[in-house]
Amino acid sequence: MAAAARLAVRARPLSRPNPGVAALVVHQGRVAARGWTRPGGRPHAEAEALAGLSPHMLAEATLYVTLEPCAHASPRGPACADLIAAARPARVVIGQHDPDPRTSGRGLARLAAAGIATTLLDDPASAASLAGFLMRQRTGRPWVTLKLATSLDGCIALADGTSRWITGEAARAHVHARRAQNDAILVGGGTWRADAPRLDVRLPGLEARSPQRVVLTRGGAPAAGVTAIAAPEAIAGLDGVLHLYVEGGAETAAAFLAADLVDELHLYRAPILIGDGRRSLGALGLAGLDAAHGRWLLHERRQLGSDSFEAYWRCR
């Protein structure tokens, strides 16, 4: 299941409006086939994995899928629960229940009615791979990642606003790879006006994965092709956005944190000291230190050249 969850990353974000799902067919201890949701949402992962496999093999195989197979009819293709029921694998292992009311439990019921042994897990790796979809279904908003690139003393720029570059080339390439996994990228109006950021993906071969651009501002859209929202809570209205990447500046970052809308924190730190520079965050409205503790859990840590990277998840 962990392997399937890692495979699901390949689907994101091109699978939208569908979630990025992955499936593996295991026969006699070996992976016989695999699939993930394709661009535009079709074919689904299960259809990709099952295509071309013989009934004899499937009768002895286990299908691992990160999300409960869909059970609702669609003009774009058959329900995956029906495909699996017709293929009749020996067993199906599912990483996460689908909260979408069109499927919720119906996929499991359809497999059980076909006599297929089915196991539903609450698999953390599958949940992580489906974070945006699950957040949208459960709360009506996208999964929000806040990225901060700072000096060791927590500055994002010199006192005069100079910020290019705090981190090195490896860290910046890592940021672009993360941008490519998100549906939309957001900055504050001040950052937009001061820096005129491109907010695109500049890695060879991934340019087409540049996310939708969003600016937090009380004015209108600052440029063609850019969406303007007036408050952090307005992210719920970003159509089709499952994963939102927030890059700054300090007041925008603080606004999302104060509204408790940040689910994942990406912290890039360069081994430099700035001193009297611009801080990475504005006021968070904390009444005391007790409110700051117990909110963040370290999820990942790595070295990127001379810079460090840490990812934290919000404890909820």
Protein backbone atom coordinates (compact mmCIF):
# COMPACT_ATOMS: atom_id res chain seq x y z
CA MET A 1 0.00 0.00 0.00
CA ALA A 2 2.89 2.36 0.73
CA ALA A 3 4.24 1.68 -2.77
CA ALA A 4 0.84 2.48 -4.26
CA ALA A 5 0.70 5.74 -2.28
CA ARG A 6 4.12 6.77 -3.62
CA LEU A 7 2.97 5.95 -7.15
CA ALA A 8 -0.07 8.21 -6.71
CA VAL A 9 2.21 11.27 -6.66
CA ARG A 10 2.59 10.84 -10.44
CA ALA A 11 -1.08 11.68 -10.91
CA ARG A 12 -0.93 15.03 -9.15
CA PRO A 13 -2.06 17.59 -10.16
CA LEU A 14 -2.91 16.58 -13.74
CA SER A 15 -5.67 14.20 -12.63
CA ARG A 16 -7.94 17.04 -11.51
CA PRO A 17 -10.85 17.33 -11.13
CA ASN A 18 -10.41 13.73 -9.99
CA PRO A 19 -8.16 12.76 -7.06
CA GLY A 20 -4.77 11.22 -7.83
CA VAL A 21 -5.27 7.53 -7.10
CA ALA A 22 -2.88 4.63 -7.67
CA ALA A 23 -3.37 0.87 -7.92
CA LEU A 24 -1.06 -2.14 -7.89
CA VAL A 25 -1.85 -5.73 -8.85
CA VAL A 26 0.30 -8.20 -6.91
CA HIS A 27 0.56 -11.82 -8.08
CA GLN A 28 2.62 -14.42 -6.23
CA GLY A 29 4.51 -11.75 -4.33
CA ARG A 30 5.40 -9.62 -7.35
CA VAL A 31 3.87 -6.50 -8.85
CA ALA A 32 2.19 -7.64 -12.06
CA ALA A 33 0.67 -4.30 -13.07
CA ARG A 34 0.23 -0.76 -11.86
CA GLY A 35 -1.75 2.32 -12.74
CA TRP A 36 -2.51 5.86 -11.63
CA THR A 37 -5.20 8.37 -12.54
CA ARG A 38 -4.38 9.91 -15.91
CA PRO A 39 -4.53 13.59 -16.95
CA GLY A 40 -8.06 14.94 -16.90
CA GLY A 41 -9.17 12.19 -14.53
CA ARG A 42 -9.46 9.28 -16.97
CA PRO A 43 -8.67 6.44 -17.15
CA HIS A 44 -8.84 5.77 -13.43
CA ALA A 45 -6.01 3.96 -11.66
CA GLU A 46 -7.91 0.68 -11.36
CA ALA A 47 -8.73 0.59 -15.07
CA GLU A 48 -5.07 1.22 -15.91
CA ALA A 49 -3.84 -1.53 -13.59
CA LEU A 50 -6.37 -4.18 -14.64
CA ALA A 51 -6.12 -3.66 -18.41
CA GLY A 52 -4.77 -6.66 -20.27
CA LEU A 53 -4.39 -9.00 -17.28
CA SER A 54 -5.65 -12.54 -17.71
CA PRO A 55 -8.56 -13.89 -15.65
CA HIS A 56 -6.31 -16.76 -14.50
CA MET A 57 -3.76 -14.38 -13.02
CA LEU A 58 -6.36 -12.11 -11.44
CA ALA A 59 -8.02 -15.09 -9.76
CA GLU A 60 -4.81 -15.44 -7.70
CA ALA A 61 -3.94 -11.76 -7.37
CA THR A 62 -4.49 -8.93 -4.90
CA LEU A 63 -5.41 -5.44 -6.05
CA TYR A 64 -4.12 -2.61 -3.84
CA VAL A 65 -5.80 0.74 -4.41
CA THR A 66 -5.31 3.93 -2.40
CA LEU A 67 -8.98 5.04 -2.47
CA GLU A 68 -12.27 3.16 -2.39
CA PRO A 69 -13.20 2.33 -6.02
CA CYS A 70 -15.82 4.68 -7.42
CA ALA A 71 -19.36 3.36 -7.69
CA HIS A 72 -21.20 6.14 -9.49
CA ALA A 73 -22.09 6.16 -13.17
CA SER A 74 -20.27 8.63 -15.42
CA PRO A 75 -20.46 9.39 -19.14
CA ARG A 76 -16.63 9.44 -19.10
CA GLY A 77 -16.23 5.78 -18.20
CA PRO A 78 -17.51 2.83 -16.15
CA ALA A 79 -17.49 2.74 -12.37
CA CYS A 80 -14.29 1.17 -11.06
CA ALA A 81 -16.22 -1.00 -8.60
CA ASP A 82 -17.99 -2.60 -11.59
CA LEU A 83 -14.69 -3.08 -13.45
CA ILE A 84 -13.15 -4.81 -10.45
CA ALA A 85 -16.24 -6.96 -9.89
CA ALA A 86 -16.05 -8.12 -13.51
CA ALA A 87 -12.30 -8.75 -13.31
CA ARG A 88 -12.71 -10.78 -10.09
CA PRO A 89 -9.32 -10.52 -8.38
CA ALA A 90 -8.89 -12.79 -5.36
CA ARG A 91 -8.68 -9.83 -2.98
CA VAL A 92 -8.87 -6.04 -2.90
CA VAL A 93 -7.07 -3.92 -0.29
CA ILE A 94 -8.21 -0.28 -0.06
CA GLY A 95 -6.17 2.45 1.59
CA GLN A 96 -8.91 5.00 2.32
CA HIS A 97 -12.69 5.23 2.46
CA ASP A 98 -14.12 7.63 -0.15
CA PRO A 99 -16.10 10.42 1.54
CA ASP A 100 -17.69 11.43 -1.78
CA PRO A 101 -21.41 10.67 -1.20
CA ARG A 102 -21.70 9.24 -4.71
CA THR A 103 -19.38 6.39 -3.70
CA SER A 104 -19.10 6.43 0.10
CA GLY A 105 -19.39 2.74 1.05
CA ARG A 106 -21.06 1.76 -2.20
CA GLY A 107 -17.80 0.69 -3.81
CA LEU A 108 -17.09 -1.65 -0.90
CA ALA A 109 -20.64 -3.01 -0.98
CA ARG A 110 -20.46 -3.73 -4.70
CA LEU A 111 -17.22 -5.70 -4.31
CA ALA A 112 -18.66 -7.65 -1.40
CA ALA A 113 -21.79 -8.46 -3.44
CA ALA A 114 -19.51 -9.87 -6.16
CA GLY A 115 -17.95 -12.21 -3.58
CA ILE A 116 -14.53 -10.50 -3.60
CA ALA A 117 -12.59 -10.47 -0.32
CA THR A 118 -12.10 -6.81 0.57
CA THR A 119 -10.05 -5.09 3.27
CA LEU A 120 -10.43 -1.39 4.08
CA LEU A 121 -7.48 0.24 5.83
CA ASP A 122 -7.05 3.65 7.40
CA ASP A 123 -3.65 3.90 5.73
CA PRO A 124 -1.69 7.08 6.58
CA ALA A 125 0.37 6.96 3.38
CA SER A 126 -2.77 6.74 1.24
CA ALA A 127 -4.36 9.57 3.21
CA ALA A 128 -1.28 11.73 2.65
CA SER A 129 -1.35 11.06 -1.09
CA LEU A 130 -5.04 12.06 -1.17
CA ALA A 131 -4.73 15.00 1.24
CA GLY A 132 -6.19 17.61 -1.11
CA PHE A 133 -9.14 15.49 -2.17
CA LEU A 134 -9.97 14.41 1.38
CA MET A 135 -9.69 17.98 2.68
CA ARG A 136 -11.95 19.31 -0.07
CA GLN A 137 -14.55 16.60 0.56
CA ARG A 138 -14.53 17.01 4.33
CA THR A 139 -14.17 20.76 4.79
CA GLY A 140 -14.89 22.30 1.37
CA ARG A 141 -11.43 23.84 0.98
CA PRO A 142 -8.09 22.76 -0.51
CA TRP A 143 -5.10 21.38 1.38
CA VAL A 144 -2.81 24.35 2.08
CA THR A 145 0.98 24.21 2.11
CA LEU A 146 2.83 27.29 3.34
CA LYS A 147 6.41 27.68 2.10
CA LEU A 148 8.96 29.86 3.89
CA ALA A 149 12.57 30.38 2.81
CA THR A 150 14.55 32.04 5.61
CA SER A 151 17.96 32.74 7.04
CA LEU A 152 18.98 31.01 10.26
CA ASP A 153 17.64 33.97 12.20
CA GLY A 154 14.23 33.86 10.52
CA CYS A 155 14.57 36.62 7.94
CA ILE A 156 13.17 36.46 4.41
CA ALA A 157 14.96 39.54 3.08
CA LEU A 158 17.33 42.35 3.92
CA ALA A 159 15.88 45.44 5.54
CA ASP A 160 15.55 47.06 2.10
CA GLY A 161 13.54 44.10 0.79
CA THR A 162 16.31 42.37 -1.17
CA SER A 163 15.55 38.64 -1.14
CA ARG A 164 17.28 37.12 -4.18
CA TRP A 165 18.54 34.75 -3.25
CA ILE A 166 18.16 33.56 0.36
CA THR A 167 18.54 29.90 -0.56
CA GLY A 168 20.70 28.14 -3.13
CA GLU A 169 20.01 26.52 -6.46
CA ALA A 170 19.16 23.06 -5.10
CA ALA A 171 16.57 24.45 -2.71
CA ARG A 172 15.01 26.60 -5.42
CA ALA A 173 14.75 23.59 -7.74
CA HIS A 174 13.05 21.70 -4.91
CA VAL A 175 10.52 24.53 -4.59
CA HIS A 176 9.76 24.35 -8.31
CA ALA A 177 9.20 20.59 -8.04
CA ARG A 178 6.73 21.22 -5.23
CA ARG A 179 4.99 23.93 -7.24
CA ALA A 180 4.47 21.36 -9.99
CA GLN A 181 2.50 19.18 -7.55
CA ASN A 182 0.01 21.91 -6.66
CA ASP A 183 -3.09 23.14 -8.46
CA ALA A 184 -2.62 26.78 -7.49
CA ILE A 185 0.03 29.05 -5.99
CA LEU A 186 -0.78 32.14 -3.90
CA VAL A 187 1.09 35.27 -2.85
CA GLY A 188 0.00 38.47 -1.17
CA GLY A 189 -0.68 41.66 -3.06
CA GLY A 190 2.39 43.34 -1.58
CA THR A 191 4.67 40.58 -2.83
CA TRP A 192 3.02 40.71 -6.24
CA ARG A 193 3.51 44.46 -6.57
CA ALA A 194 7.05 44.54 -5.17
CA ASP A 195 8.55 41.46 -6.84
CA ALA A 196 6.32 40.74 -9.86
CA PRO A 197 6.86 37.00 -9.32
CA ARG A 198 6.29 34.63 -12.23
CA LEU A 199 4.87 31.89 -9.96
CA ASP A 200 5.58 29.24 -12.57
CA VAL A 201 7.55 26.00 -12.82
CA ARG A 202 10.96 26.39 -14.42
CA LEU A 203 12.22 22.83 -14.40
CA PRO A 204 12.99 21.27 -17.80
CA GLY A 205 10.05 19.15 -18.91
CA LEU A 206 7.70 20.39 -16.18
CA GLU A 207 6.92 23.86 -17.46
CA ALA A 208 3.41 22.78 -18.44
CA ARG A 209 2.68 21.98 -14.80
CA SER A 210 2.82 25.60 -13.71
CA PRO A 211 -0.07 26.10 -11.25
CA GLN A 212 -2.94 28.54 -11.39
CA ARG A 213 -1.86 31.93 -9.97
CA VAL A 214 -3.76 33.51 -7.08
CA VAL A 215 -3.16 36.81 -5.28
CA LEU A 216 -4.53 37.72 -1.86
CA THR A 217 -5.66 41.33 -2.32
CA ARG A 218 -8.66 43.54 -1.70
CA GLY A 219 -8.39 44.89 -5.21
CA GLY A 220 -9.28 43.16 -8.46
CA ALA A 221 -7.17 40.67 -10.38
CA PRO A 222 -3.72 42.26 -10.82
CA ALA A 223 -3.10 40.69 -14.23
CA ALA A 224 -4.76 38.56 -16.88
CA GLY A 225 -4.92 34.92 -15.88
CA VAL A 226 -4.52 35.72 -12.18
CA THR A 227 -7.30 35.09 -9.65
CA ALA A 228 -7.79 37.58 -6.81
CA ILE A 229 -9.25 36.64 -3.43
CA ALA A 230 -9.93 39.09 -0.59
CA ALA A 231 -9.41 36.81 2.43
CA PRO A 232 -7.73 33.48 3.23
CA GLU A 233 -11.13 31.86 3.79
CA ALA A 234 -12.01 32.58 0.15
CA ILE A 235 -9.77 29.68 -0.94
CA ALA A 236 -12.87 27.49 -0.63
CA GLY A 237 -14.15 29.18 -3.80
CA LEU A 238 -11.11 28.28 -5.92
CA ASP A 239 -12.78 25.93 -8.37
CA GLY A 240 -11.01 22.63 -8.95
CA VAL A 241 -8.14 23.44 -6.57
CA LEU A 242 -7.27 20.52 -4.29
CA HIS A 243 -3.74 21.60 -3.34
CA LEU A 244 -2.82 25.25 -2.73
CA TYR A 245 0.80 26.41 -2.31
CA VAL A 246 1.20 29.68 -0.38
CA GLU A 247 4.53 31.44 -0.87
CA GLY A 248 4.23 34.81 0.87
CA GLY A 249 4.92 37.40 1.98
CA ALA A 250 5.09 37.70 5.74
CA GLU A 251 1.63 39.19 6.29
CA THR A 252 -0.02 36.69 3.97
CA ALA A 253 1.72 33.79 5.70
CA ALA A 254 0.64 35.11 9.08
CA ALA A 255 -2.95 35.59 7.87
CA PHE A 256 -3.22 31.96 6.80
CA LEU A 257 -1.65 30.74 10.04
CA ALA A 258 -3.86 32.97 12.19
CA ALA A 259 -6.92 31.61 10.35
CA ASP A 260 -5.64 28.06 11.01
CA LEU A 261 -5.74 27.29 7.30
CA VAL A 262 -2.22 25.88 6.95
CA ASP A 263 -2.05 22.08 6.84
CA GLU A 264 1.59 21.66 5.87
CA LEU A 265 4.57 23.94 6.51
CA HIS A 266 7.64 23.81 4.25
CA LEU A 267 10.61 25.53 5.83
CA TYR A 268 13.78 26.12 3.79
CA ARG A 269 16.70 27.52 5.80
CA ALA A 270 19.94 28.91 4.46
CA PRO A 271 23.09 28.92 6.64
CA ILE A 272 23.28 32.71 6.74
CA LEU A 273 22.54 35.41 9.31
CA ILE A 274 20.88 38.67 8.26
CA GLY A 275 20.19 40.42 11.53
CA ASP A 276 18.11 43.55 10.95
CA GLY A 277 16.11 42.09 8.09
CA ARG A 278 12.48 41.48 7.25
CA ARG A 279 10.91 38.76 9.37
CA SER A 280 9.29 35.70 7.84
CA LEU A 281 5.98 36.17 9.66
CA GLY A 282 3.73 38.93 10.85
CA ALA A 283 1.70 38.80 14.06
CA LEU A 284 -0.17 35.54 14.72
CA GLY A 285 -2.33 36.80 17.55
CA LEU A 286 -1.04 34.31 20.11
CA ALA A 287 -2.23 34.97 23.65
CA GLY A 288 0.60 32.90 25.17
CA LEU A 289 3.23 30.27 24.45
CA ASP A 290 0.81 27.49 25.39
CA ALA A 291 -1.11 28.22 22.19
CA ALA A 292 2.06 27.74 20.11
CA HIS A 293 2.95 24.26 21.38
CA GLY A 294 1.61 20.96 20.08
CA ARG A 295 0.52 22.33 16.71
CA TRP A 296 3.19 21.01 14.33
CA LEU A 297 4.63 17.53 13.71
CA LEU A 298 7.87 16.99 11.78
CA HIS A 299 7.07 14.97 8.66
CA GLU A 300 10.24 15.19 6.54
CA ARG A 301 13.77 16.54 6.78
CA ARG A 302 16.51 16.67 4.15
CA GLN A 303 19.60 18.55 3.07
CA LEU A 304 19.51 20.51 -0.19
CA GLY A 305 23.07 21.55 -0.92
CA SER A 306 24.02 23.92 1.89
CA ASP A 307 20.37 24.56 2.78
CA SER A 308 18.05 22.48 4.95
CA PHE A 309 14.44 21.56 4.29
CA GLU A 310 11.84 20.55 6.86
CA ALA A 311 8.18 19.72 6.34
CA TYR A 312 5.73 19.93 9.23
CA TRP A 313 2.10 18.82 9.36
CA ARG A 314 -0.55 20.57 11.39
CA CYS A 315 -1.73 18.45 14.31
CA ARG A 316 -5.53 18.46 14.28
